[in-house]
Amino acid sequence: QVQLVESGGGLAQAGGSLKLSCAASGNIVTMNTMGWFRQAPGNQRELVATITRDGTTNYADSVKGRCTISRDNAKNTVYVQMNNLKPEDTAVYYCNADGTFRKIRAIVDDIVPFLSWGRGTQVTVSS
């Protein structure tokens, strides 16, 4: 399978900045859309931003103008730069990606689609 590992979370003050990273590993063949979602206590998981392989981005209204998503296709890594943080940005941030990976078989390998989530990284913004 394909594993996603987030990093860069932590504690920040309101108005501050954080940059989250998410690296994918595994026998990846193609990496399509990568994205960030977040979940605050008592709330459903919600979109933060996504980016397609060709760089087309999509942002939640709540973060437009404050967040920038980017990716390094050579490293299968996605980033999100968050500026002017607000206490309501406090949440666990999850990385998400879809694509295909090579499943090793005895004779002929399979190319299998995947949809993976990371385990999350906590972002806490104090007022």
N, C-alpha and C. Protein backbone atom coordinates (compact mmCIF):
# COMPACT_ATOMS: atom_id res chain seq x y z
N GLN A 1 0.83 -1.20 0.00
CA GLN A 1 0.00 0.00 0.00
C GLN A 1 0.86 1.24 0.00
N VAL A 2 0.21 2.39 0.08
CA VAL A 2 0.91 3.67 0.09
C VAL A 2 0.69 4.32 1.44
N GLN A 3 1.77 4.73 2.05
CA GLN A 3 1.70 5.38 3.37
C GLN A 3 1.93 6.87 3.23
N LEU A 4 1.18 7.63 4.01
CA LEU A 4 1.33 9.09 4.05
C LEU A 4 1.72 9.48 5.48
N VAL A 5 2.74 10.30 5.60
CA VAL A 5 3.21 10.73 6.92
C VAL A 5 3.26 12.25 6.94
N GLU A 6 2.48 12.83 7.85
CA GLU A 6 2.44 14.28 8.00
C GLU A 6 3.47 14.75 9.01
N SER A 7 3.90 15.98 8.85
CA SER A 7 4.79 16.62 9.81
C SER A 7 4.57 18.12 9.76
N GLY A 8 5.06 18.80 10.79
CA GLY A 8 5.02 20.26 10.80
C GLY A 8 3.95 20.87 11.68
N GLY A 9 3.12 20.04 12.29
CA GLY A 9 2.11 20.59 13.17
C GLY A 9 2.73 21.09 14.46
N GLY A 10 1.89 21.72 15.27
CA GLY A 10 2.39 22.22 16.54
C GLY A 10 1.53 23.34 17.07
N LEU A 11 2.12 24.10 17.97
CA LEU A 11 1.42 25.21 18.61
C LEU A 11 1.86 26.51 17.97
N ALA A 12 0.88 27.36 17.65
CA ALA A 12 1.18 28.67 17.08
C ALA A 12 0.25 29.70 17.70
N GLN A 13 0.68 30.93 17.67
CA GLN A 13 -0.17 32.01 18.14
C GLN A 13 -1.04 32.53 17.01
N ALA A 14 -2.16 33.11 17.37
CA ALA A 14 -3.01 33.73 16.36
C ALA A 14 -2.20 34.76 15.58
N GLY A 15 -2.37 34.72 14.27
CA GLY A 15 -1.59 35.59 13.40
C GLY A 15 -0.29 34.99 12.92
N GLY A 16 0.07 33.87 13.49
CA GLY A 16 1.32 33.20 13.12
C GLY A 16 1.16 32.31 11.91
N SER A 17 2.22 31.55 11.64
CA SER A 17 2.26 30.69 10.45
C SER A 17 2.77 29.31 10.81
N LEU A 18 2.34 28.35 10.03
CA LEU A 18 2.85 27.00 10.10
C LEU A 18 2.89 26.43 8.69
N LYS A 19 3.82 25.54 8.45
CA LYS A 19 3.87 24.82 7.18
C LYS A 19 3.83 23.33 7.46
N LEU A 20 2.84 22.67 6.92
CA LEU A 20 2.70 21.24 7.07
C LEU A 20 3.24 20.53 5.83
N SER A 21 3.82 19.37 6.06
CA SER A 21 4.33 18.55 4.97
C SER A 21 3.74 17.15 5.07
N CYS A 22 3.63 16.51 3.93
CA CYS A 22 3.13 15.13 3.90
C CYS A 22 3.88 14.39 2.81
N ALA A 23 4.59 13.35 3.23
CA ALA A 23 5.37 12.56 2.29
C ALA A 23 4.72 11.21 2.09
N ALA A 24 4.60 10.82 0.83
CA ALA A 24 4.03 9.52 0.49
C ALA A 24 5.14 8.53 0.16
N SER A 25 4.95 7.30 0.59
CA SER A 25 5.93 6.27 0.29
C SER A 25 5.22 4.98 -0.12
N GLY A 26 5.95 4.13 -0.84
CA GLY A 26 5.38 2.89 -1.36
C GLY A 26 5.75 2.77 -2.82
N ASN A 27 5.30 1.72 -3.44
CA ASN A 27 5.62 1.52 -4.87
C ASN A 27 4.65 2.33 -5.72
N ILE A 28 4.78 3.63 -5.63
CA ILE A 28 3.85 4.53 -6.30
C ILE A 28 4.12 4.58 -7.79
N VAL A 29 3.08 4.43 -8.57
CA VAL A 29 3.20 4.53 -10.02
C VAL A 29 2.73 5.90 -10.48
N THR A 30 1.55 6.28 -10.06
CA THR A 30 1.02 7.61 -10.38
C THR A 30 0.44 8.22 -9.11
N MET A 31 0.64 9.52 -8.96
CA MET A 31 0.06 10.25 -7.84
C MET A 31 -0.86 11.31 -8.41
N ASN A 32 -2.12 11.19 -8.16
CA ASN A 32 -3.08 12.13 -8.73
C ASN A 32 -3.30 13.31 -7.78
N THR A 33 -4.52 13.45 -7.24
CA THR A 33 -4.80 14.56 -6.36
C THR A 33 -4.25 14.30 -4.96
N MET A 34 -3.64 15.33 -4.40
CA MET A 34 -3.20 15.30 -3.01
C MET A 34 -3.89 16.44 -2.28
N GLY A 35 -4.13 16.25 -1.00
CA GLY A 35 -4.85 17.29 -0.32
C GLY A 35 -4.71 17.25 1.18
N TRP A 36 -5.27 18.26 1.81
CA TRP A 36 -5.30 18.40 3.26
C TRP A 36 -6.74 18.56 3.71
N PHE A 37 -7.03 17.86 4.78
CA PHE A 37 -8.33 17.96 5.43
C PHE A 37 -8.06 18.20 6.91
N ARG A 38 -9.05 18.63 7.65
CA ARG A 38 -8.88 18.84 9.08
C ARG A 38 -10.15 18.45 9.82
N GLN A 39 -9.93 18.11 11.08
CA GLN A 39 -11.06 17.74 11.93
C GLN A 39 -10.84 18.31 13.31
N ALA A 40 -11.74 19.18 13.71
CA ALA A 40 -11.72 19.75 15.05
C ALA A 40 -12.61 18.89 15.95
N PRO A 41 -12.36 18.91 17.26
CA PRO A 41 -13.16 18.11 18.18
C PRO A 41 -14.66 18.39 18.02
N GLY A 42 -15.43 17.33 17.88
CA GLY A 42 -16.87 17.47 17.75
C GLY A 42 -17.35 17.81 16.36
N ASN A 43 -16.41 18.01 15.44
CA ASN A 43 -16.78 18.38 14.07
C ASN A 43 -16.44 17.26 13.10
N GLN A 44 -17.05 17.34 11.93
CA GLN A 44 -16.71 16.39 10.87
C GLN A 44 -15.42 16.82 10.19
N ARG A 45 -14.78 15.88 9.54
CA ARG A 45 -13.58 16.18 8.78
C ARG A 45 -13.99 17.06 7.60
N GLU A 46 -13.20 18.10 7.36
CA GLU A 46 -13.53 19.04 6.30
C GLU A 46 -12.32 19.33 5.43
N LEU A 47 -12.62 19.74 4.21
CA LEU A 47 -11.57 20.08 3.25
C LEU A 47 -10.82 21.33 3.69
N VAL A 48 -9.51 21.30 3.51
CA VAL A 48 -8.69 22.50 3.61
C VAL A 48 -8.30 22.94 2.20
N ALA A 49 -7.60 22.04 1.50
CA ALA A 49 -7.16 22.36 0.14
C ALA A 49 -6.75 21.09 -0.58
N THR A 50 -6.86 21.12 -1.90
CA THR A 50 -6.37 20.01 -2.72
C THR A 50 -5.58 20.55 -3.89
N ILE A 51 -4.74 19.70 -4.45
CA ILE A 51 -3.94 20.07 -5.61
C ILE A 51 -3.83 18.87 -6.52
N THR A 52 -4.09 19.07 -7.80
CA THR A 52 -4.01 17.98 -8.76
C THR A 52 -2.57 17.82 -9.24
N ARG A 53 -2.36 16.80 -10.02
CA ARG A 53 -1.02 16.52 -10.52
C ARG A 53 -0.49 17.68 -11.36
N ASP A 54 -1.38 18.34 -12.10
CA ASP A 54 -0.91 19.44 -12.94
C ASP A 54 -0.92 20.77 -12.22
N GLY A 55 -1.21 20.76 -10.91
CA GLY A 55 -1.10 21.97 -10.11
C GLY A 55 -2.37 22.76 -9.92
N THR A 56 -3.49 22.25 -10.35
CA THR A 56 -4.75 22.94 -10.13
C THR A 56 -5.13 22.83 -8.66
N THR A 57 -5.43 23.95 -8.05
CA THR A 57 -5.70 23.98 -6.61
C THR A 57 -7.17 24.31 -6.32
N ASN A 58 -7.58 23.88 -5.14
CA ASN A 58 -8.93 24.15 -4.66
C ASN A 58 -8.82 24.39 -3.15
N TYR A 59 -9.47 25.45 -2.67
CA TYR A 59 -9.38 25.80 -1.26
C TYR A 59 -10.77 25.93 -0.65
N ALA A 60 -10.85 25.59 0.62
CA ALA A 60 -12.06 25.89 1.38
C ALA A 60 -12.15 27.39 1.55
N ASP A 61 -13.39 27.89 1.57
CA ASP A 61 -13.57 29.33 1.73
C ASP A 61 -12.93 29.84 3.01
N SER A 62 -12.93 29.01 4.05
CA SER A 62 -12.42 29.43 5.35
C SER A 62 -10.92 29.69 5.36
N VAL A 63 -10.20 29.17 4.38
CA VAL A 63 -8.74 29.34 4.36
C VAL A 63 -8.24 30.10 3.14
N LYS A 64 -9.14 30.46 2.23
CA LYS A 64 -8.72 31.19 1.03
C LYS A 64 -8.01 32.48 1.41
N GLY A 65 -6.89 32.72 0.77
CA GLY A 65 -6.13 33.92 1.04
C GLY A 65 -5.16 33.76 2.20
N ARG A 66 -5.29 32.70 2.97
CA ARG A 66 -4.40 32.46 4.11
C ARG A 66 -3.55 31.21 3.93
N CYS A 67 -3.96 30.31 3.06
CA CYS A 67 -3.26 29.04 2.87
C CYS A 67 -2.81 28.89 1.42
N THR A 68 -1.67 28.26 1.27
CA THR A 68 -1.17 27.92 -0.06
C THR A 68 -0.75 26.46 -0.06
N ILE A 69 -1.35 25.69 -0.96
CA ILE A 69 -0.98 24.28 -1.09
C ILE A 69 -0.02 24.15 -2.26
N SER A 70 0.95 23.26 -2.11
CA SER A 70 1.92 23.02 -3.18
C SER A 70 2.36 21.56 -3.10
N ARG A 71 3.04 21.11 -4.14
CA ARG A 71 3.51 19.73 -4.13
C ARG A 71 4.81 19.61 -4.90
N ASP A 72 5.54 18.57 -4.54
CA ASP A 72 6.77 18.22 -5.24
C ASP A 72 6.54 16.84 -5.82
N ASN A 73 6.26 16.77 -7.11
CA ASN A 73 5.92 15.48 -7.72
C ASN A 73 7.09 14.50 -7.67
N ALA A 74 8.29 15.00 -7.74
CA ALA A 74 9.45 14.11 -7.71
C ALA A 74 9.60 13.44 -6.35
N LYS A 75 9.12 14.11 -5.31
CA LYS A 75 9.23 13.56 -3.95
C LYS A 75 7.92 13.01 -3.44
N ASN A 76 6.87 13.08 -4.25
CA ASN A 76 5.53 12.64 -3.80
C ASN A 76 5.18 13.27 -2.46
N THR A 77 5.39 14.55 -2.38
CA THR A 77 5.18 15.29 -1.15
C THR A 77 4.26 16.48 -1.41
N VAL A 78 3.36 16.73 -0.46
CA VAL A 78 2.46 17.87 -0.55
C VAL A 78 2.66 18.73 0.69
N TYR A 79 2.53 20.03 0.49
CA TYR A 79 2.72 20.99 1.56
C TYR A 79 1.49 21.90 1.66
N VAL A 80 1.32 22.47 2.84
CA VAL A 80 0.37 23.56 2.96
C VAL A 80 0.97 24.60 3.89
N GLN A 81 1.09 25.79 3.37
CA GLN A 81 1.59 26.93 4.14
C GLN A 81 0.37 27.67 4.67
N MET A 82 0.30 27.79 5.98
CA MET A 82 -0.85 28.46 6.60
C MET A 82 -0.38 29.73 7.29
N ASN A 83 -0.93 30.84 6.89
CA ASN A 83 -0.57 32.14 7.44
C ASN A 83 -1.77 32.77 8.15
N ASN A 84 -1.48 33.78 8.94
CA ASN A 84 -2.54 34.49 9.67
C ASN A 84 -3.47 33.49 10.36
N LEU A 85 -2.86 32.58 11.11
CA LEU A 85 -3.63 31.53 11.75
C LEU A 85 -4.63 32.10 12.75
N LYS A 86 -5.75 31.40 12.86
CA LYS A 86 -6.82 31.79 13.76
C LYS A 86 -7.10 30.65 14.73
N PRO A 87 -7.61 30.94 15.91
CA PRO A 87 -7.94 29.85 16.85
C PRO A 87 -8.86 28.80 16.23
N GLU A 88 -9.73 29.21 15.33
CA GLU A 88 -10.63 28.24 14.69
C GLU A 88 -9.92 27.33 13.70
N ASP A 89 -8.65 27.56 13.45
CA ASP A 89 -7.87 26.63 12.63
C ASP A 89 -7.38 25.44 13.45
N THR A 90 -7.58 25.49 14.76
CA THR A 90 -7.16 24.39 15.62
C THR A 90 -7.88 23.11 15.22
N ALA A 91 -7.11 22.08 14.92
CA ALA A 91 -7.67 20.81 14.46
C ALA A 91 -6.54 19.81 14.25
N VAL A 92 -6.93 18.58 14.01
CA VAL A 92 -5.97 17.59 13.50
C VAL A 92 -6.02 17.68 11.97
N TYR A 93 -4.87 17.83 11.37
CA TYR A 93 -4.78 17.98 9.92
C TYR A 93 -4.34 16.66 9.30
N TYR A 94 -5.10 16.22 8.32
CA TYR A 94 -4.85 14.94 7.66
C TYR A 94 -4.48 15.15 6.20
N CYS A 95 -3.52 14.38 5.78
CA CYS A 95 -3.12 14.37 4.37
C CYS A 95 -3.89 13.26 3.66
N ASN A 96 -4.18 13.50 2.40
CA ASN A 96 -4.95 12.56 1.59
C ASN A 96 -4.36 12.52 0.19
N ALA A 97 -4.34 11.34 -0.40
CA ALA A 97 -3.82 11.24 -1.77
C ALA A 97 -4.43 10.05 -2.48
N ASP A 98 -4.53 10.15 -3.79
CA ASP A 98 -4.99 9.01 -4.58
C ASP A 98 -4.11 8.84 -5.81
N GLY A 99 -4.08 7.64 -6.30
CA GLY A 99 -3.26 7.35 -7.47
C GLY A 99 -3.22 5.85 -7.70
N THR A 100 -2.09 5.35 -8.19
CA THR A 100 -1.91 3.91 -8.38
C THR A 100 -0.56 3.49 -7.83
N PHE A 101 -0.48 2.25 -7.40
CA PHE A 101 0.80 1.71 -6.93
C PHE A 101 0.99 0.32 -7.50
N ARG A 102 2.22 -0.11 -7.48
CA ARG A 102 2.59 -1.42 -8.01
C ARG A 102 2.52 -2.45 -6.88
N LYS A 103 1.67 -3.44 -7.08
CA LYS A 103 1.55 -4.54 -6.11
C LYS A 103 2.37 -5.70 -6.64
N ILE A 104 3.37 -6.05 -5.89
CA ILE A 104 4.31 -7.06 -6.34
C ILE A 104 3.65 -8.44 -6.33
N ARG A 105 3.71 -9.11 -7.46
CA ARG A 105 3.17 -10.47 -7.58
C ARG A 105 4.29 -11.40 -7.99
N ALA A 106 4.01 -12.69 -7.94
CA ALA A 106 5.05 -13.68 -8.23
C ALA A 106 5.51 -13.61 -9.69
N ILE A 107 4.56 -13.38 -10.61
CA ILE A 107 4.90 -13.42 -12.03
C ILE A 107 4.77 -12.03 -12.65
N VAL A 108 3.57 -11.47 -12.57
CA VAL A 108 3.33 -10.15 -13.15
C VAL A 108 2.75 -9.24 -12.08
N ASP A 109 3.37 -8.07 -11.91
CA ASP A 109 2.88 -7.13 -10.91
C ASP A 109 1.53 -6.54 -11.32
N ASP A 110 0.72 -6.18 -10.33
CA ASP A 110 -0.54 -5.49 -10.58
C ASP A 110 -0.34 -4.00 -10.35
N ILE A 111 -1.02 -3.20 -11.15
CA ILE A 111 -1.10 -1.77 -10.90
C ILE A 111 -2.47 -1.54 -10.28
N VAL A 112 -2.46 -1.08 -9.04
CA VAL A 112 -3.68 -1.02 -8.23
C VAL A 112 -3.94 0.41 -7.80
N PRO A 113 -5.18 0.86 -7.89
CA PRO A 113 -5.49 2.20 -7.40
C PRO A 113 -5.43 2.26 -5.88
N PHE A 114 -5.11 3.41 -5.35
CA PHE A 114 -5.12 3.59 -3.91
C PHE A 114 -5.77 4.93 -3.55
N LEU A 115 -6.28 4.98 -2.34
CA LEU A 115 -6.75 6.21 -1.72
C LEU A 115 -6.29 6.13 -0.27
N SER A 116 -5.35 6.95 0.10
CA SER A 116 -4.72 6.83 1.41
C SER A 116 -4.89 8.09 2.24
N TRP A 117 -4.87 7.88 3.54
CA TRP A 117 -4.91 8.97 4.51
C TRP A 117 -3.71 8.84 5.44
N GLY A 118 -3.19 9.96 5.87
CA GLY A 118 -2.19 9.96 6.91
C GLY A 118 -2.85 9.85 8.27
N ARG A 119 -2.01 9.77 9.31
CA ARG A 119 -2.54 9.62 10.66
C ARG A 119 -2.88 10.95 11.30
N GLY A 120 -2.45 12.03 10.69
CA GLY A 120 -2.81 13.34 11.19
C GLY A 120 -1.71 14.00 12.00
N THR A 121 -1.75 15.32 12.00
CA THR A 121 -0.84 16.11 12.83
C THR A 121 -1.65 17.22 13.47
N GLN A 122 -1.40 17.44 14.75
CA GLN A 122 -2.21 18.40 15.51
C GLN A 122 -1.70 19.83 15.27
N VAL A 123 -2.63 20.71 14.99
CA VAL A 123 -2.34 22.14 14.92
C VAL A 123 -3.20 22.83 15.97
N THR A 124 -2.54 23.58 16.85
CA THR A 124 -3.24 24.30 17.90
C THR A 124 -2.87 25.77 17.81
N VAL A 125 -3.88 26.62 17.70
CA VAL A 125 -3.65 28.06 17.58
C VAL A 125 -4.22 28.74 18.81
N SER A 126 -3.36 29.43 19.53
CA SER A 126 -3.79 30.12 20.73
C SER A 126 -4.11 31.58 20.43
N SER A 127 -5.07 32.10 21.15
CA SER A 127 -5.49 33.49 20.91
C SER A 127 -4.66 34.47 21.71
